[in-house]
N, C-alpha and C. Protein backbone atom coordinates (compact mmCIF):
# COMPACT_ATOMS: atom_id res chain seq x y z
N MET A 1 111.86 103.98 95.30
CA MET A 1 110.77 104.22 94.23
C MET A 1 111.04 103.39 92.95
N SER A 2 110.07 102.55 92.60
CA SER A 2 110.21 101.81 91.40
C SER A 2 109.99 102.62 90.21
N HIS A 3 110.44 102.08 88.95
CA HIS A 3 110.13 102.77 87.69
C HIS A 3 108.67 102.52 87.30
N PRO A 4 108.03 103.50 86.73
CA PRO A 4 106.73 103.16 86.24
C PRO A 4 106.68 102.34 84.97
N ILE A 5 105.63 101.56 84.73
CA ILE A 5 105.55 100.65 83.57
C ILE A 5 104.79 101.47 82.57
N THR A 6 105.35 101.48 81.43
CA THR A 6 104.79 102.35 80.46
C THR A 6 104.19 101.52 79.09
N MET A 7 103.29 102.11 78.46
CA MET A 7 102.56 101.43 77.41
C MET A 7 102.46 102.69 76.28
N GLY A 8 103.42 102.87 75.42
CA GLY A 8 103.21 103.95 74.53
C GLY A 8 103.47 105.20 75.46
N GLU A 9 102.60 106.19 75.29
CA GLU A 9 102.53 107.25 76.12
C GLU A 9 101.86 107.35 77.42
N ARG A 10 101.31 106.17 77.78
CA ARG A 10 100.56 106.02 78.97
C ARG A 10 101.39 105.21 79.96
N ILE A 11 101.06 105.50 81.46
CA ILE A 11 101.73 104.91 82.36
C ILE A 11 100.86 104.11 83.18
N TRP A 12 101.29 102.91 83.75
CA TRP A 12 100.53 102.13 84.66
C TRP A 12 100.21 102.74 85.97
N CYS A 13 99.06 102.96 86.35
CA CYS A 13 98.57 103.57 87.56
C CYS A 13 98.22 102.40 88.53
N PRO A 14 98.96 102.16 89.65
CA PRO A 14 98.39 101.20 90.56
C PRO A 14 97.24 101.36 91.26
N SER A 15 96.84 102.64 91.45
CA SER A 15 95.56 103.01 91.94
C SER A 15 94.40 102.80 91.17
N CYS A 16 94.51 103.20 89.95
CA CYS A 16 93.31 102.94 88.92
C CYS A 16 93.43 101.64 88.30
N LYS A 17 94.65 100.89 88.40
CA LYS A 17 94.77 99.66 87.70
C LYS A 17 94.47 99.64 86.20
N ASP A 18 95.19 100.66 85.72
CA ASP A 18 94.98 100.81 84.26
C ASP A 18 96.15 101.70 83.69
N TYR A 19 96.34 101.85 82.44
CA TYR A 19 97.36 102.80 81.75
C TYR A 19 96.54 104.07 81.76
N VAL A 20 97.30 105.08 82.13
CA VAL A 20 96.63 106.40 82.30
C VAL A 20 97.52 107.37 81.71
N GLN A 21 97.05 108.57 81.45
CA GLN A 21 97.84 109.81 80.96
C GLN A 21 98.23 110.56 82.35
N LEU A 22 99.58 110.87 82.37
CA LEU A 22 99.92 111.74 83.42
C LEU A 22 100.03 113.25 82.96
N ILE A 23 99.63 114.17 83.90
CA ILE A 23 99.70 115.64 83.51
C ILE A 23 100.43 116.19 84.59
N ARG A 24 100.95 117.39 84.11
CA ARG A 24 101.64 118.42 84.86
C ARG A 24 100.85 119.01 86.05
N ILE A 25 101.54 119.55 87.15
CA ILE A 25 100.73 120.03 88.34
C ILE A 25 99.83 121.14 87.96
N GLN A 26 100.44 121.95 87.08
CA GLN A 26 99.60 123.23 86.77
C GLN A 26 98.39 122.86 86.00
N ARG A 27 98.43 121.99 85.04
CA ARG A 27 97.31 121.50 84.16
C ARG A 27 96.33 120.88 85.21
N ALA A 28 96.78 120.05 86.16
CA ALA A 28 95.97 119.17 87.24
C ALA A 28 95.10 120.25 88.02
N ALA A 29 95.88 121.41 88.44
CA ALA A 29 95.18 122.33 89.24
C ALA A 29 93.96 123.03 88.44
N LYS A 30 94.37 123.13 87.30
CA LYS A 30 93.30 123.93 86.38
C LYS A 30 92.16 122.90 86.15
N LEU A 31 92.50 121.78 85.80
CA LEU A 31 91.34 120.79 85.41
C LEU A 31 90.50 120.56 86.67
N ALA A 32 91.22 120.40 87.84
CA ALA A 32 90.32 120.31 89.21
C ALA A 32 89.75 121.38 89.70
N ASP A 33 90.21 122.57 89.14
CA ASP A 33 89.71 123.82 89.55
C ASP A 33 90.08 124.01 91.18
N VAL A 34 91.30 123.70 91.48
CA VAL A 34 91.97 123.94 92.87
C VAL A 34 93.32 124.68 92.59
N ASN A 35 93.81 124.98 93.87
CA ASN A 35 95.18 125.64 93.89
C ASN A 35 96.22 124.51 93.60
N ARG A 36 97.43 124.84 93.11
CA ARG A 36 98.49 123.99 92.95
C ARG A 36 98.83 123.30 94.22
N ARG A 37 98.75 123.94 95.23
CA ARG A 37 99.15 123.37 96.65
C ARG A 37 98.35 122.44 97.01
N THR A 38 97.02 122.38 96.58
CA THR A 38 96.04 121.32 96.72
C THR A 38 96.50 120.05 96.10
N ILE A 39 96.94 120.15 94.85
CA ILE A 39 97.58 119.01 94.12
C ILE A 39 98.60 118.34 94.90
N TYR A 40 99.61 119.30 95.34
CA TYR A 40 100.75 118.77 96.24
C TYR A 40 100.26 117.81 97.39
N ARG A 41 99.20 118.52 98.06
CA ARG A 41 98.57 117.91 99.16
C ARG A 41 97.96 116.51 98.84
N TYR A 42 97.42 116.53 97.69
CA TYR A 42 96.65 115.14 97.27
C TYR A 42 97.90 114.18 97.19
N ILE A 43 99.04 114.48 96.66
CA ILE A 43 100.23 113.69 96.41
C ILE A 43 100.76 113.31 97.71
N GLU A 44 100.94 114.16 98.74
CA GLU A 44 101.42 114.02 99.90
C GLU A 44 100.69 112.84 100.68
N ASP A 45 99.21 113.12 100.47
CA ASP A 45 98.34 112.23 101.29
C ASP A 45 97.99 110.91 100.47
N ASN A 46 98.81 110.77 99.31
CA ASN A 46 98.57 109.44 98.56
C ASN A 46 97.07 109.40 98.01
N LYS A 47 96.55 110.48 97.83
CA LYS A 47 95.18 110.45 97.21
C LYS A 47 95.21 110.37 95.65
N VAL A 48 96.38 110.74 95.09
CA VAL A 48 96.48 110.70 93.61
C VAL A 48 97.85 109.97 93.47
N TYR A 49 97.93 109.41 92.31
CA TYR A 49 99.15 108.67 91.96
C TYR A 49 100.11 109.71 91.19
N ALA A 50 101.37 109.83 91.62
CA ALA A 50 102.09 110.86 90.89
C ALA A 50 103.51 110.13 90.61
N VAL A 51 104.13 110.56 89.70
CA VAL A 51 105.55 110.22 89.40
C VAL A 51 106.48 111.48 89.35
N LYS A 52 107.56 111.37 90.16
CA LYS A 52 108.53 112.45 90.28
C LYS A 52 109.45 112.21 88.91
N VAL A 53 109.58 113.20 88.10
CA VAL A 53 110.22 113.11 86.83
C VAL A 53 111.54 113.87 86.83
N VAL A 54 111.78 115.04 87.17
CA VAL A 54 112.97 115.75 87.31
C VAL A 54 113.06 116.66 88.54
N GLY A 55 114.07 116.41 89.45
CA GLY A 55 114.22 117.31 90.57
C GLY A 55 112.88 117.17 91.43
N LYS A 56 112.22 118.37 91.41
CA LYS A 56 110.90 118.43 92.29
C LYS A 56 109.73 118.35 91.49
N THR A 57 109.88 118.06 90.11
CA THR A 57 108.66 118.04 89.12
C THR A 57 107.93 116.80 89.27
N TYR A 58 106.65 116.86 89.27
CA TYR A 58 105.76 115.64 89.40
C TYR A 58 104.93 115.72 88.15
N ARG A 59 104.36 114.48 87.77
CA ARG A 59 103.28 114.32 86.87
C ARG A 59 102.09 113.48 87.68
N VAL A 60 100.94 113.97 87.47
CA VAL A 60 99.85 113.24 88.25
C VAL A 60 98.91 112.51 87.29
N CYS A 61 98.47 111.41 87.90
CA CYS A 61 97.43 110.62 87.07
C CYS A 61 96.12 111.31 86.86
N CYS A 62 95.74 111.56 85.82
CA CYS A 62 94.56 112.31 85.44
C CYS A 62 93.32 111.54 85.95
N SER A 63 93.13 110.23 85.87
CA SER A 63 92.06 109.54 86.27
C SER A 63 92.01 109.64 87.84
N CYS A 64 92.96 109.42 88.59
CA CYS A 64 92.99 109.64 90.06
C CYS A 64 92.52 111.03 90.46
N LEU A 65 93.01 111.99 89.67
CA LEU A 65 92.59 113.43 90.01
C LEU A 65 91.21 113.51 89.90
N LEU A 66 90.68 113.00 88.78
CA LEU A 66 89.23 113.31 88.52
C LEU A 66 88.30 112.46 89.53
N LYS A 67 88.69 111.34 89.87
CA LYS A 67 88.10 110.48 91.04
C LYS A 67 88.22 111.30 92.22
N GLN A 68 89.22 111.85 92.64
CA GLN A 68 89.51 112.57 93.82
C GLN A 68 88.63 113.83 93.86
N ASN A 69 88.42 114.67 92.69
CA ASN A 69 87.82 115.65 92.53
C ASN A 69 86.24 115.44 92.69
N THR A 70 85.72 114.21 92.44
CA THR A 70 84.27 113.98 92.51
C THR A 70 84.11 113.45 93.94
N ASP A 71 85.06 113.01 94.73
CA ASP A 71 84.87 112.41 96.06
C ASP A 71 84.75 113.56 96.95
N ASP A 72 85.45 114.76 96.67
CA ASP A 72 85.40 115.81 97.61
C ASP A 72 84.10 116.52 97.74
């Protein structure tokens, strides 16, 4: 796993091809109005870009999440 490219507080998302904000799983689930398990499924299926930060903790690309949520 390569290290993410940062620009200030934003991270380069290879899916969106832009610098984006990463959010916690709990906030992502609330924003998309889905269960936390659904967010983990999106990550497993590579439907959203995510960065593993500590142990089992992830941060999810907000832009990918919003795109995914509108595609469903």
